[in-house]
Amino acid sequence: MSKIFGRIEKNSVEEIRFSFCEWNGKEYVDVRVWIKEDPEEGRKEIPTRKGIRFNAELLPEFIKILRKMDKKMGGEGED
């Protein structure tokens, strides 16, 4: 079972989902592109292969790197 923490609309058909999931008794972070549901076109929400899943213990390091990237791009990230 997974818990979605956020979504970013990539385009009219896809979104990026940020979630935690559990598999084989371990927690993982999943950042994945999903195809959005559109009943008029007969399209259901489905995950794609585009994404990354990693052990939740690595999340602090992942966030640290994203902050560095944000700072480099002119954001307010920390060192």
PDB file of N, CA and C in Angstrom:
ATOM      1  N   MET A   1       0.838  -1.166   0.000  1.00  0.00           N
ATOM      2  CA  MET A   1       0.000   0.000   0.000  1.00  0.00           C
ATOM      3  C   MET A   1       0.896   1.247   0.000  1.00  0.00           C
ATOM      4  N   SER A   2       0.498   2.265  -0.747  1.00  0.00           N
ATOM      5  CA  SER A   2       1.299   3.483  -0.794  1.00  0.00           C
ATOM      6  C   SER A   2       0.476   4.689  -0.371  1.00  0.00           C
ATOM      7  N   LYS A   3       1.187   5.702   0.096  1.00  0.00           N
ATOM      8  CA  LYS A   3       0.543   6.951   0.503  1.00  0.00           C
ATOM      9  C   LYS A   3       1.134   8.066  -0.348  1.00  0.00           C
ATOM     10  N   ILE A   4       0.284   8.765  -1.094  1.00  0.00           N
ATOM     11  CA  ILE A   4       0.723   9.851  -1.960  1.00  0.00           C
ATOM     12  C   ILE A   4       0.882  11.120  -1.122  1.00  0.00           C
ATOM     13  N   PHE A   5       2.036  11.766  -1.257  1.00  0.00           N
ATOM     14  CA  PHE A   5       2.316  12.993  -0.520  1.00  0.00           C
ATOM     15  C   PHE A   5       2.224  14.225  -1.400  1.00  0.00           C
ATOM     16  N   GLY A   6       2.284  14.049  -2.703  1.00  0.00           N
ATOM     17  CA  GLY A   6       2.196  15.200  -3.588  1.00  0.00           C
ATOM     18  C   GLY A   6       2.158  14.784  -5.040  1.00  0.00           C
ATOM     19  N   ARG A   7       1.708  15.729  -5.848  1.00  0.00           N
ATOM     20  CA  ARG A   7       1.611  15.512  -7.293  1.00  0.00           C
ATOM     21  C   ARG A   7       2.023  16.789  -8.004  1.00  0.00           C
ATOM     22  N   ILE A   8       2.673  16.633  -9.128  1.00  0.00           N
ATOM     23  CA  ILE A   8       3.010  17.759  -9.999  1.00  0.00           C
ATOM     24  C   ILE A   8       2.493  17.415 -11.382  1.00  0.00           C
ATOM     25  N   GLU A   9       1.686  18.310 -11.951  1.00  0.00           N
ATOM     26  CA  GLU A   9       1.187  18.079 -13.297  1.00  0.00           C
ATOM     27  C   GLU A   9       2.328  18.306 -14.289  1.00  0.00           C
ATOM     28  N   LYS A  10       2.656  17.269 -15.033  1.00  0.00           N
ATOM     29  CA  LYS A  10       3.731  17.337 -16.022  1.00  0.00           C
ATOM     30  C   LYS A  10       3.195  17.891 -17.338  1.00  0.00           C
ATOM     31  N   ASN A  11       2.037  17.403 -17.729  1.00  0.00           N
ATOM     32  CA  ASN A  11       1.338  17.877 -18.923  1.00  0.00           C
ATOM     33  C   ASN A  11      -0.119  17.428 -18.800  1.00  0.00           C
ATOM     34  N   SER A  12      -0.889  17.545 -19.864  1.00  0.00           N
ATOM     35  CA  SER A  12      -2.317  17.221 -19.771  1.00  0.00           C
ATOM     36  C   SER A  12      -2.596  15.733 -19.581  1.00  0.00           C
ATOM     37  N   VAL A  13      -1.605  14.894 -19.806  1.00  0.00           N
ATOM     38  CA  VAL A  13      -1.802  13.450 -19.729  1.00  0.00           C
ATOM     39  C   VAL A  13      -1.036  12.806 -18.569  1.00  0.00           C
ATOM     40  N   GLU A  14       0.050  13.448 -18.127  1.00  0.00           N
ATOM     41  CA  GLU A  14       0.922  12.840 -17.122  1.00  0.00           C
ATOM     42  C   GLU A  14       1.084  13.724 -15.889  1.00  0.00           C
ATOM     43  N   GLU A  15       1.338  13.058 -14.752  1.00  0.00           N
ATOM     44  CA  GLU A  15       1.675  13.767 -13.528  1.00  0.00           C
ATOM     45  C   GLU A  15       2.784  13.002 -12.819  1.00  0.00           C
ATOM     46  N   ILE A  16       3.553  13.716 -12.014  1.00  0.00           N
ATOM     47  CA  ILE A  16       4.600  13.108 -11.205  1.00  0.00           C
ATOM     48  C   ILE A  16       4.038  12.951  -9.799  1.00  0.00           C
ATOM     49  N   ARG A  17       4.103  11.744  -9.269  1.00  0.00           N
ATOM     50  CA  ARG A  17       3.591  11.470  -7.923  1.00  0.00           C
ATOM     51  C   ARG A  17       4.749  11.157  -6.990  1.00  0.00           C
ATOM     52  N   PHE A  18       4.627  11.704  -5.776  1.00  0.00           N
ATOM     53  CA  PHE A  18       5.600  11.485  -4.723  1.00  0.00           C
ATOM     54  C   PHE A  18       4.910  10.678  -3.636  1.00  0.00           C
ATOM     55  N   SER A  19       5.425   9.483  -3.361  1.00  0.00           N
ATOM     56  CA  SER A  19       4.751   8.633  -2.390  1.00  0.00           C
ATOM     57  C   SER A  19       5.733   7.775  -1.603  1.00  0.00           C
ATOM     58  N   PHE A  20       5.222   7.267  -0.472  1.00  0.00           N
ATOM     59  CA  PHE A  20       5.908   6.239   0.306  1.00  0.00           C
ATOM     60  C   PHE A  20       5.166   4.943   0.046  1.00  0.00           C
ATOM     61  N   CYS A  21       5.906   3.847  -0.027  1.00  0.00           N
ATOM     62  CA  CYS A  21       5.265   2.549  -0.150  1.00  0.00           C
ATOM     63  C   CYS A  21       6.054   1.537   0.662  1.00  0.00           C
ATOM     64  N   GLU A  22       5.423   0.424   0.939  1.00  0.00           N
ATOM     65  CA  GLU A  22       6.075  -0.642   1.685  1.00  0.00           C
ATOM     66  C   GLU A  22       6.119  -1.873   0.801  1.00  0.00           C
ATOM     67  N   TRP A  23       7.264  -2.539   0.806  1.00  0.00           N
ATOM     68  CA  TRP A  23       7.419  -3.759   0.029  1.00  0.00           C
ATOM     69  C   TRP A  23       8.383  -4.671   0.769  1.00  0.00           C
ATOM     70  N   ASN A  24       7.978  -5.893   0.971  1.00  0.00           N
ATOM     71  CA  ASN A  24       8.774  -6.881   1.720  1.00  0.00           C
ATOM     72  C   ASN A  24       9.198  -6.354   3.089  1.00  0.00           C
ATOM     73  N   GLY A  25       8.298  -5.619   3.740  1.00  0.00           N
ATOM     74  CA  GLY A  25       8.559  -5.136   5.091  1.00  0.00           C
ATOM     75  C   GLY A  25       9.464  -3.916   5.175  1.00  0.00           C
ATOM     76  N   LYS A  26       9.832  -3.324   4.043  1.00  0.00           N
ATOM     77  CA  LYS A  26      10.693  -2.143   4.048  1.00  0.00           C
ATOM     78  C   LYS A  26       9.948  -0.967   3.420  1.00  0.00           C
ATOM     79  N   GLU A  27      10.274   0.252   3.891  1.00  0.00           N
ATOM     80  CA  GLU A  27       9.654   1.451   3.349  1.00  0.00           C
ATOM     81  C   GLU A  27      10.517   2.024   2.223  1.00  0.00           C
ATOM     82  N   TYR A  28       9.838   2.485   1.186  1.00  0.00           N
ATOM     83  CA  TYR A  28      10.505   3.063   0.031  1.00  0.00           C
ATOM     84  C   TYR A  28       9.865   4.391  -0.340  1.00  0.00           C
ATOM     85  N   VAL A  29      10.678   5.253  -0.947  1.00  0.00           N
ATOM     86  CA  VAL A  29      10.202   6.494  -1.537  1.00  0.00           C
ATOM     87  C   VAL A  29      10.038   6.215  -3.026  1.00  0.00           C
ATOM     88  N   ASP A  30       8.928   6.656  -3.585  1.00  0.00           N
ATOM     89  CA  ASP A  30       8.679   6.451  -5.017  1.00  0.00           C
ATOM     90  C   ASP A  30       8.336   7.803  -5.642  1.00  0.00           C
ATOM     91  N   VAL A  31       9.096   8.184  -6.654  1.00  0.00           N
ATOM     92  CA  VAL A  31       8.838   9.396  -7.432  1.00  0.00           C
ATOM     93  C   VAL A  31       8.647   8.902  -8.858  1.00  0.00           C
ATOM     94  N   ARG A  32       7.423   8.964  -9.349  1.00  0.00           N
ATOM     95  CA  ARG A  32       7.096   8.284 -10.601  1.00  0.00           C
ATOM     96  C   ARG A  32       6.121   9.092 -11.448  1.00  0.00           C
ATOM     97  N   VAL A  33       6.268   8.950 -12.752  1.00  0.00           N
ATOM     98  CA  VAL A  33       5.320   9.539 -13.698  1.00  0.00           C
ATOM     99  C   VAL A  33       4.132   8.592 -13.833  1.00  0.00           C
ATOM    100  N   TRP A  34       2.942   9.158 -13.690  1.00  0.00           N
ATOM    101  CA  TRP A  34       1.698   8.413 -13.858  1.00  0.00           C
ATOM    102  C   TRP A  34       0.923   8.988 -15.035  1.00  0.00           C
ATOM    103  N   ILE A  35       0.235   8.123 -15.756  1.00  0.00           N
ATOM    104  CA  ILE A  35      -0.695   8.568 -16.784  1.00  0.00           C
ATOM    105  C   ILE A  35      -2.019   8.822 -16.088  1.00  0.00           C
ATOM    106  N   LYS A  36      -2.549  10.033 -16.296  1.00  0.00           N
ATOM    107  CA  LYS A  36      -3.778  10.422 -15.603  1.00  0.00           C
ATOM    108  C   LYS A  36      -5.011   9.759 -16.217  1.00  0.00           C
ATOM    109  N   GLU A  37      -5.983   9.541 -15.365  1.00  0.00           N
ATOM    110  CA  GLU A  37      -7.245   8.930 -15.783  1.00  0.00           C
ATOM    111  C   GLU A  37      -8.058   9.919 -16.618  1.00  0.00           C
ATOM    112  N   ASP A  38      -8.661   9.404 -17.678  1.00  0.00           N
ATOM    113  CA  ASP A  38      -9.575  10.204 -18.506  1.00  0.00           C
ATOM    114  C   ASP A  38     -10.662   9.268 -19.018  1.00  0.00           C
ATOM    115  N   PRO A  39     -11.788   9.193 -18.297  1.00  0.00           N
ATOM    116  CA  PRO A  39     -12.856   8.268 -18.684  1.00  0.00           C
ATOM    117  C   PRO A  39     -13.374   8.503 -20.101  1.00  0.00           C
ATOM    118  N   GLU A  40     -13.366   9.758 -20.550  1.00  0.00           N
ATOM    119  CA  GLU A  40     -13.843  10.058 -21.909  1.00  0.00           C
ATOM    120  C   GLU A  40     -12.976   9.391 -22.970  1.00  0.00           C
ATOM    121  N   GLU A  41     -11.693   9.237 -22.682  1.00  0.00           N
ATOM    122  CA  GLU A  41     -10.786   8.587 -23.631  1.00  0.00           C
ATOM    123  C   GLU A  41     -10.536   7.123 -23.246  1.00  0.00           C
ATOM    124  N   GLY A  42     -11.202   6.657 -22.192  1.00  0.00           N
ATOM    125  CA  GLY A  42     -11.030   5.277 -21.745  1.00  0.00           C
ATOM    126  C   GLY A  42      -9.679   5.024 -21.105  1.00  0.00           C
ATOM    127  N   ARG A  43      -9.079   6.068 -20.566  1.00  0.00           N
ATOM    128  CA  ARG A  43      -7.743   5.965 -19.986  1.00  0.00           C
ATOM    129  C   ARG A  43      -7.852   5.892 -18.466  1.00  0.00           C
ATOM    130  N   LYS A  44      -7.154   4.930 -17.864  1.00  0.00           N
ATOM    131  CA  LYS A  44      -7.131   4.781 -16.409  1.00  0.00           C
ATOM    132  C   LYS A  44      -5.802   5.274 -15.876  1.00  0.00           C
ATOM    133  N   GLU A  45      -5.766   5.599 -14.574  1.00  0.00           N
ATOM    134  CA  GLU A  45      -4.515   5.993 -13.936  1.00  0.00           C
ATOM    135  C   GLU A  45      -3.589   4.786 -13.869  1.00  0.00           C
ATOM    136  N   ILE A  46      -2.406   4.940 -14.440  1.00  0.00           N
ATOM    137  CA  ILE A  46      -1.435   3.842 -14.379  1.00  0.00           C
ATOM    138  C   ILE A  46      -0.027   4.412 -14.187  1.00  0.00           C
ATOM    139  N   PRO A  47       0.800   3.712 -13.409  1.00  0.00           N
ATOM    140  CA  PRO A  47       2.186   4.147 -13.254  1.00  0.00           C
ATOM    141  C   PRO A  47       2.981   3.779 -14.506  1.00  0.00           C
ATOM    142  N   THR A  48       3.984   4.583 -14.805  1.00  0.00           N
ATOM    143  CA  THR A  48       4.870   4.263 -15.921  1.00  0.00           C
ATOM    144  C   THR A  48       6.196   3.744 -15.361  1.00  0.00           C
ATOM    145  N   ARG A  49       7.074   3.364 -16.237  1.00  0.00           N
ATOM    146  CA  ARG A  49       8.409   2.931 -15.821  1.00  0.00           C
ATOM    147  C   ARG A  49       9.314   4.118 -15.533  1.00  0.00           C
ATOM    148  N   LYS A  50       8.853   5.316 -15.891  1.00  0.00           N
ATOM    149  CA  LYS A  50       9.643   6.534 -15.677  1.00  0.00           C
ATOM    150  C   LYS A  50       9.558   6.929 -14.213  1.00  0.00           C
ATOM    151  N   GLY A  51      10.640   6.775 -13.500  1.00  0.00           N
ATOM    152  CA  GLY A  51      10.649   7.141 -12.100  1.00  0.00           C
ATOM    153  C   GLY A  51      11.774   6.480 -11.355  1.00  0.00           C
ATOM    154  N   ILE A  52      11.727   6.668 -10.056  1.00  0.00           N
ATOM    155  CA  ILE A  52      12.753   6.103  -9.191  1.00  0.00           C
ATOM    156  C   ILE A  52      12.099   5.653  -7.886  1.00  0.00           C
ATOM    157  N   ARG A  53      12.572   4.537  -7.379  1.00  0.00           N
ATOM    158  CA  ARG A  53      12.139   4.030  -6.075  1.00  0.00           C
ATOM    159  C   ARG A  53      13.410   3.693  -5.303  1.00  0.00           C
ATOM    160  N   PHE A  54      13.486   4.196  -4.059  1.00  0.00           N
ATOM    161  CA  PHE A  54      14.669   3.928  -3.259  1.00  0.00           C
ATOM    162  C   PHE A  54      14.285   3.785  -1.793  1.00  0.00           C
ATOM    163  N   ASN A  55      15.181   3.169  -1.039  1.00  0.00           N
ATOM    164  CA  ASN A  55      14.960   2.931   0.381  1.00  0.00           C
ATOM    165  C   ASN A  55      14.715   4.262   1.088  1.00  0.00           C
ATOM    166  N   ALA A  56      13.698   4.319   1.935  1.00  0.00           N
ATOM    167  CA  ALA A  56      13.327   5.559   2.626  1.00  0.00           C
ATOM    168  C   ALA A  56      14.460   6.085   3.504  1.00  0.00           C
ATOM    169  N   GLU A  57      15.384   5.227   3.898  1.00  0.00           N
ATOM    170  CA  GLU A  57      16.517   5.679   4.708  1.00  0.00           C
ATOM    171  C   GLU A  57      17.401   6.660   3.945  1.00  0.00           C
ATOM    172  N   LEU A  58      17.332   6.661   2.626  1.00  0.00           N
ATOM    173  CA  LEU A  58      18.141   7.555   1.795  1.00  0.00           C
ATOM    174  C   LEU A  58      17.474   8.904   1.556  1.00  0.00           C
ATOM    175  N   LEU A  59      16.243   9.084   2.042  1.00  0.00           N
ATOM    176  CA  LEU A  59      15.503  10.324   1.793  1.00  0.00           C
ATOM    177  C   LEU A  59      16.236  11.584   2.265  1.00  0.00           C
ATOM    178  N   PRO A  60      16.837  11.626   3.460  1.00  0.00           N
ATOM    179  CA  PRO A  60      17.542  12.847   3.863  1.00  0.00           C
ATOM    180  C   PRO A  60      18.654  13.250   2.881  1.00  0.00           C
ATOM    181  N   GLU A  61      19.399  12.288   2.393  1.00  0.00           N
ATOM    182  CA  GLU A  61      20.469  12.584   1.427  1.00  0.00           C
ATOM    183  C   GLU A  61      19.879  13.057   0.097  1.00  0.00           C
ATOM    184  N   PHE A  62      18.794  12.448  -0.314  1.00  0.00           N
ATOM    185  CA  PHE A  62      18.094  12.842  -1.544  1.00  0.00           C
ATOM    186  C   PHE A  62      17.641  14.302  -1.440  1.00  0.00           C
ATOM    187  N   ILE A  63      17.049  14.668  -0.302  1.00  0.00           N
ATOM    188  CA  ILE A  63      16.577  16.036  -0.085  1.00  0.00           C
ATOM    189  C   ILE A  63      17.752  17.003  -0.077  1.00  0.00           C
ATOM    190  N   LYS A  64      18.852  16.612   0.550  1.00  0.00           N
ATOM    191  CA  LYS A  64      20.047  17.456   0.596  1.00  0.00           C
ATOM    192  C   LYS A  64      20.537  17.769  -0.818  1.00  0.00           C
ATOM    193  N   ILE A  65      20.559  16.782  -1.671  1.00  0.00           N
ATOM    194  CA  ILE A  65      21.004  16.976  -3.049  1.00  0.00           C
ATOM    195  C   ILE A  65      20.024  17.866  -3.812  1.00  0.00           C
ATOM    196  N   LEU A  66      18.729  17.655  -3.605  1.00  0.00           N
ATOM    197  CA  LEU A  66      17.733  18.512  -4.268  1.00  0.00           C
ATOM    198  C   LEU A  66      17.873  19.964  -3.829  1.00  0.00           C
ATOM    199  N   ARG A  67      18.174  20.192  -2.558  1.00  0.00           N
ATOM    200  CA  ARG A  67      18.384  21.562  -2.072  1.00  0.00           C
ATOM    201  C   ARG A  67      19.586  22.203  -2.744  1.00  0.00           C
ATOM    202  N   LYS A  68      20.667  21.434  -2.930  1.00  0.00           N
ATOM    203  CA  LYS A  68      21.840  21.947  -3.642  1.00  0.00           C
ATOM    204  C   LYS A  68      21.472  22.325  -5.077  1.00  0.00           C
ATOM    205  N   MET A  69      20.691  21.479  -5.714  1.00  0.00           N
ATOM    206  CA  MET A  69      20.269  21.747  -7.090  1.00  0.00           C
ATOM    207  C   MET A  69      19.407  23.009  -7.142  1.00  0.00           C
ATOM    208  N   ASP A  70      18.501  23.139  -6.167  1.00  0.00           N
ATOM    209  CA  ASP A  70      17.621  24.303  -6.105  1.00  0.00           C
ATOM    210  C   ASP A  70      18.438  25.584  -5.927  1.00  0.00           C
ATOM    211  N   LYS A  71      19.416  25.527  -5.051  1.00  0.00           N
ATOM    212  CA  LYS A  71      20.271  26.689  -4.803  1.00  0.00           C
ATOM    213  C   LYS A  71      21.024  27.065  -6.081  1.00  0.00           C
ATOM    214  N   LYS A  72      21.529  26.085  -6.781  1.00  0.00           N
ATOM    215  CA  LYS A  72      22.267  26.322  -8.034  1.00  0.00           C
ATOM    216  C   LYS A  72      21.375  26.988  -9.079  1.00  0.00           C
ATOM    217  N   MET A  73      20.084  26.673  -9.040  1.00  0.00           N
ATOM    218  CA  MET A  73      19.130  27.228 -10.011  1.00  0.00           C
ATOM    219  C   MET A  73      18.559  28.563  -9.540  1.00  0.00           C
ATOM    220  N   GLY A  74      19.064  29.100  -8.430  1.00  0.00           N
ATOM    221  CA  GLY A  74      18.609  30.396  -7.954  1.00  0.00           C
ATOM    222  C   GLY A  74      17.530  30.330  -6.902  1.00  0.00           C
ATOM    223  N   GLY A  75      17.225  29.147  -6.412  1.00  0.00           N
ATOM    224  CA  GLY A  75      16.221  29.000  -5.369  1.00  0.00           C
ATOM    225  C   GLY A  75      16.811  29.311  -4.010  1.00  0.00           C
ATOM    226  N   GLU A  76      16.105  28.913  -2.978  1.00  0.00           N
ATOM    227  CA  GLU A  76      16.535  29.221  -1.620  1.00  0.00           C
ATOM    228  C   GLU A  76      17.059  27.990  -0.885  1.00  0.00           C
ATOM    229  N   GLY A  77      17.552  27.015  -1.618  1.00  0.00           N
ATOM    230  CA  GLY A  77      18.055  25.788  -0.989  1.00  0.00           C
ATOM    231  C   GLY A  77      19.191  26.041  -0.038  1.00  0.00           C
ATOM    232  N   GLU A  78      19.396  25.096   0.881  1.00  0.00           N
ATOM    233  CA  GLU A  78      20.473  25.199   1.875  1.00  0.00           C
ATOM    234  C   GLU A  78      21.736  24.552   1.354  1.00  0.00           C
ATOM    235  N   ASP A  79      22.851  24.822   2.034  1.00  0.00           N
ATOM    236  CA  ASP A  79      24.134  24.192   1.652  1.00  0.00           C
ATOM    237  C   ASP A  79      24.142  22.733   2.007  1.00  0.00           C
TER     238      ASP A  79
END
